[in-house]
Amino acid sequence: MAKAGAVIRFGLVCSVCGSRNYVTSKNKLENKEKITLSKYCRHCRKHTEHKENEKLGK
């Protein structure tokens, strides 16, 4: 179980068009590096690389 405050929420931003399409969370104690995923961008209408952008509130 994660400690209080260890899990953060952040947005995933398309590397092609720059739109924020997804919001997800991670345990910052276990995963210190930034996340890069291949996700579907509805603005580009194809799968593109999405990178971790900014921390969001709870």
N, C-alpha and C. Protein backbone atom coordinates (compact mmCIF):
# COMPACT_ATOMS: atom_id res chain seq x y z
N MET A 1 0.83 -1.17 0.00
CA MET A 1 0.00 0.00 0.00
C MET A 1 0.88 1.24 0.00
N ALA A 2 0.48 2.24 -0.76
CA ALA A 2 1.26 3.47 -0.87
C ALA A 2 1.05 4.37 0.32
N LYS A 3 2.09 5.10 0.68
CA LYS A 3 1.99 6.07 1.76
C LYS A 3 1.12 7.23 1.33
N ALA A 4 0.59 7.95 2.30
CA ALA A 4 -0.22 9.13 1.98
C ALA A 4 0.65 10.16 1.28
N GLY A 5 0.19 10.66 0.16
CA GLY A 5 0.95 11.64 -0.59
C GLY A 5 1.94 11.04 -1.57
N ALA A 6 2.04 9.74 -1.64
CA ALA A 6 2.99 9.11 -2.55
C ALA A 6 2.43 9.00 -3.95
N VAL A 7 1.12 8.96 -4.10
CA VAL A 7 0.48 8.81 -5.41
C VAL A 7 0.12 10.19 -5.93
N ILE A 8 0.56 10.50 -7.16
CA ILE A 8 0.26 11.79 -7.76
C ILE A 8 -0.52 11.58 -9.05
N ARG A 9 -1.36 12.55 -9.41
CA ARG A 9 -2.09 12.55 -10.67
C ARG A 9 -1.42 13.52 -11.62
N PHE A 10 -1.40 13.18 -12.91
CA PHE A 10 -0.77 14.04 -13.90
C PHE A 10 -1.44 13.83 -15.25
N GLY A 11 -1.20 14.76 -16.17
CA GLY A 11 -1.76 14.68 -17.50
C GLY A 11 -0.77 14.10 -18.48
N LEU A 12 -1.30 13.42 -19.50
CA LEU A 12 -0.47 12.92 -20.60
C LEU A 12 -0.72 13.81 -21.82
N VAL A 13 0.35 14.34 -22.40
CA VAL A 13 0.25 15.29 -23.50
C VAL A 13 0.78 14.66 -24.78
N CYS A 14 0.03 14.85 -25.86
CA CYS A 14 0.45 14.33 -27.18
C CYS A 14 1.70 15.06 -27.63
N SER A 15 2.71 14.32 -28.09
CA SER A 15 3.96 14.93 -28.52
C SER A 15 3.84 15.56 -29.91
N VAL A 16 2.78 15.24 -30.66
CA VAL A 16 2.61 15.79 -32.00
C VAL A 16 1.83 17.11 -31.97
N CYS A 17 0.62 17.09 -31.40
CA CYS A 17 -0.23 18.29 -31.43
C CYS A 17 -0.22 19.07 -30.12
N GLY A 18 0.23 18.48 -29.02
CA GLY A 18 0.33 19.19 -27.75
C GLY A 18 -0.92 19.21 -26.92
N SER A 19 -1.96 18.47 -27.29
CA SER A 19 -3.19 18.47 -26.51
C SER A 19 -3.11 17.45 -25.38
N ARG A 20 -3.70 17.80 -24.24
CA ARG A 20 -3.71 16.89 -23.09
C ARG A 20 -4.96 16.02 -23.19
N ASN A 21 -4.76 14.73 -23.43
CA ASN A 21 -5.86 13.82 -23.71
C ASN A 21 -6.19 12.89 -22.55
N TYR A 22 -5.25 12.59 -21.69
CA TYR A 22 -5.45 11.60 -20.65
C TYR A 22 -4.97 12.13 -19.30
N VAL A 23 -5.61 11.66 -18.24
CA VAL A 23 -5.19 11.93 -16.87
C VAL A 23 -5.00 10.58 -16.20
N THR A 24 -3.86 10.38 -15.55
CA THR A 24 -3.56 9.12 -14.89
C THR A 24 -2.80 9.39 -13.61
N SER A 25 -2.41 8.35 -12.91
CA SER A 25 -1.69 8.51 -11.66
C SER A 25 -0.55 7.50 -11.57
N LYS A 26 0.40 7.79 -10.67
CA LYS A 26 1.51 6.88 -10.44
C LYS A 26 2.02 7.08 -9.02
N ASN A 27 2.75 6.09 -8.53
CA ASN A 27 3.39 6.17 -7.23
C ASN A 27 4.77 6.79 -7.45
N LYS A 28 4.97 8.00 -6.94
CA LYS A 28 6.22 8.70 -7.19
C LYS A 28 7.41 8.11 -6.45
N LEU A 29 7.16 7.27 -5.45
CA LEU A 29 8.26 6.63 -4.74
C LEU A 29 8.82 5.45 -5.52
N GLU A 30 7.97 4.75 -6.28
CA GLU A 30 8.40 3.60 -7.07
C GLU A 30 8.88 3.99 -8.46
N ASN A 31 8.21 4.96 -9.09
CA ASN A 31 8.52 5.37 -10.47
C ASN A 31 8.95 6.83 -10.46
N LYS A 32 10.24 7.05 -10.44
CA LYS A 32 10.75 8.42 -10.39
C LYS A 32 10.90 9.05 -11.76
N GLU A 33 11.08 8.25 -12.81
CA GLU A 33 11.25 8.80 -14.15
C GLU A 33 9.89 9.16 -14.76
N LYS A 34 9.93 10.03 -15.78
CA LYS A 34 8.70 10.44 -16.44
C LYS A 34 8.20 9.32 -17.34
N ILE A 35 6.89 9.22 -17.46
CA ILE A 35 6.26 8.15 -18.22
C ILE A 35 6.03 8.61 -19.66
N THR A 36 6.28 7.72 -20.62
CA THR A 36 5.97 7.94 -22.03
C THR A 36 5.22 6.72 -22.52
N LEU A 37 4.01 6.95 -23.04
CA LEU A 37 3.15 5.86 -23.51
C LEU A 37 2.68 6.13 -24.93
N SER A 38 2.38 5.08 -25.66
CA SER A 38 1.76 5.20 -26.97
C SER A 38 0.25 5.10 -26.77
N LYS A 39 -0.44 6.23 -26.98
CA LYS A 39 -1.88 6.29 -26.77
C LYS A 39 -2.54 6.88 -28.01
N TYR A 40 -3.86 6.73 -28.11
CA TYR A 40 -4.62 7.28 -29.23
C TYR A 40 -4.93 8.76 -28.98
N CYS A 41 -4.62 9.61 -29.94
CA CYS A 41 -4.94 11.04 -29.87
C CYS A 41 -6.14 11.30 -30.77
N ARG A 42 -7.20 11.80 -30.19
CA ARG A 42 -8.41 12.03 -30.99
C ARG A 42 -8.28 13.24 -31.90
N HIS A 43 -7.34 14.14 -31.61
CA HIS A 43 -7.13 15.30 -32.47
C HIS A 43 -6.29 14.94 -33.69
N CYS A 44 -5.27 14.10 -33.51
CA CYS A 44 -4.44 13.62 -34.62
C CYS A 44 -5.08 12.44 -35.34
N ARG A 45 -5.99 11.75 -34.67
CA ARG A 45 -6.68 10.56 -35.18
C ARG A 45 -5.73 9.41 -35.46
N LYS A 46 -4.72 9.23 -34.58
CA LYS A 46 -3.79 8.10 -34.70
C LYS A 46 -3.08 7.91 -33.37
N HIS A 47 -2.37 6.80 -33.24
CA HIS A 47 -1.59 6.54 -32.04
C HIS A 47 -0.30 7.35 -32.09
N THR A 48 -0.03 8.09 -31.02
CA THR A 48 1.17 8.91 -30.92
C THR A 48 1.78 8.73 -29.54
N GLU A 49 2.99 9.23 -29.35
CA GLU A 49 3.64 9.21 -28.05
C GLU A 49 2.99 10.28 -27.16
N HIS A 50 2.63 9.88 -25.96
CA HIS A 50 2.11 10.80 -24.96
C HIS A 50 3.08 10.81 -23.79
N LYS A 51 3.46 12.03 -23.36
CA LYS A 51 4.44 12.18 -22.29
C LYS A 51 3.80 12.80 -21.07
N GLU A 52 4.35 12.44 -19.91
CA GLU A 52 3.90 13.00 -18.64
C GLU A 52 4.18 14.50 -18.63
N ASN A 53 3.15 15.29 -18.23
CA ASN A 53 3.32 16.73 -18.29
C ASN A 53 3.33 17.38 -16.92
N GLU A 54 2.20 17.58 -16.32
CA GLU A 54 2.13 18.36 -15.09
C GLU A 54 1.35 17.64 -14.01
N LYS A 55 1.68 17.94 -12.78
CA LYS A 55 0.98 17.36 -11.66
C LYS A 55 -0.36 18.06 -11.48
N LEU A 56 -1.42 17.30 -11.27
CA LEU A 56 -2.75 17.83 -11.05
C LEU A 56 -3.12 17.69 -9.58
N GLY A 57 -4.17 18.36 -9.17
CA GLY A 57 -4.63 18.26 -7.80
C GLY A 57 -5.23 16.90 -7.50
N LYS A 58 -5.59 16.66 -6.24
CA LYS A 58 -6.18 15.38 -5.84
C LYS A 58 -7.51 15.27 -6.45
